[in-house]
Amino acid sequence: MVTGGMRTNIVFDDALIDEAMALTGARSRSEVVRLALQELVKSRRKRKNLADLAGRIRFRPGFDHKAARKLRG
């Protein structure tokens, strides 16, 4: 249970909430919304951290990043 939380009323797409609950195993709408917000924050933090690395990674001379992408499929 979250303490000090804010109560609000939001209109959600029922089918989307039901699918999210089925995929996550969440037992309530509040739980699935909380999980979704946690995932969003985690995802954005990762993206920011990757952006912070821009220009800091040095590749070996002659490294072909486009050829490496093809190997991943």
Protein backbone atom coordinates (compact mmCIF):
# COMPACT_ATOMS: atom_id res chain seq x y z
CA MET A 1 0.00 0.00 0.00
CA VAL A 2 1.25 3.46 -0.84
CA THR A 3 1.07 6.04 1.90
CA GLY A 4 0.69 9.73 1.27
CA GLY A 5 -0.73 9.09 -2.18
CA MET A 6 -2.99 11.43 -4.11
CA ARG A 7 -6.56 10.43 -4.90
CA THR A 8 -7.89 11.27 -8.33
CA ASN A 9 -10.58 10.19 -10.77
CA ILE A 10 -9.45 9.24 -14.26
CA VAL A 11 -11.44 7.72 -17.11
CA PHE A 12 -9.50 4.79 -18.61
CA ASP A 13 -10.12 2.51 -21.56
CA ASP A 14 -11.63 -0.57 -19.87
CA ALA A 15 -10.20 -3.00 -22.43
CA LEU A 16 -6.71 -1.55 -21.98
CA ILE A 17 -6.94 -1.79 -18.18
CA ASP A 18 -8.23 -5.38 -18.41
CA GLU A 19 -5.39 -6.36 -20.76
CA ALA A 20 -2.80 -4.69 -18.53
CA MET A 21 -4.19 -6.47 -15.48
CA ALA A 22 -4.07 -9.82 -17.29
CA LEU A 23 -0.50 -9.24 -18.47
CA THR A 24 0.82 -8.06 -15.12
CA GLY A 25 -1.25 -10.11 -12.71
CA ALA A 26 -2.32 -6.90 -10.97
CA ARG A 27 -5.36 -7.46 -8.77
CA SER A 28 -6.76 -3.93 -8.91
CA ARG A 29 -6.92 -0.95 -11.23
CA SER A 30 -4.88 1.07 -8.74
CA GLU A 31 -2.16 -1.57 -8.76
CA VAL A 32 -1.98 -1.70 -12.55
CA VAL A 33 -1.80 2.11 -12.79
CA ARG A 34 0.96 2.17 -10.16
CA LEU A 35 2.88 -0.52 -12.09
CA ALA A 36 2.44 1.39 -15.34
CA LEU A 37 3.79 4.59 -13.79
CA GLN A 38 6.76 2.73 -12.33
CA GLU A 39 7.56 1.21 -15.72
CA LEU A 40 7.26 4.59 -17.43
CA VAL A 41 9.66 6.23 -14.98
CA LYS A 42 12.14 3.33 -15.23
CA SER A 43 12.01 3.43 -19.03
CA ARG A 44 12.56 7.18 -19.23
CA ARG A 45 15.45 7.02 -16.74
CA LYS A 46 17.15 4.38 -18.89
CA ARG A 47 16.68 6.50 -22.00
CA LYS A 48 18.15 9.52 -20.21
CA ASN A 49 21.10 7.47 -18.97
CA LEU A 50 21.80 6.23 -22.49
CA ALA A 51 21.63 9.78 -23.83
CA ASP A 52 24.18 10.82 -21.19
CA LEU A 53 26.63 8.38 -22.80
CA ALA A 54 26.44 10.07 -26.20
CA GLY A 55 29.93 10.96 -27.37
CA ARG A 56 31.62 9.11 -24.50
CA ILE A 57 31.97 5.72 -26.11
CA ARG A 58 34.97 5.22 -28.35
CA PHE A 59 34.81 2.43 -30.87
CA ARG A 60 37.83 0.66 -32.27
CA PRO A 61 39.12 2.11 -35.55
CA GLY A 62 37.29 0.65 -38.52
CA PHE A 63 34.29 -0.52 -36.48
CA ASP A 64 31.23 -0.69 -38.75
CA HIS A 65 28.15 -0.10 -36.59
CA LYS A 66 25.79 -0.67 -39.52
CA ALA A 67 27.23 -4.11 -40.17
CA ALA A 68 26.89 -4.91 -36.46
CA ARG A 69 23.19 -3.99 -36.60
CA LYS A 70 22.65 -6.49 -39.41
CA LEU A 71 24.06 -9.26 -37.24
CA ARG A 72 21.39 -8.60 -34.59
CA GLY A 73 18.65 -9.17 -37.15
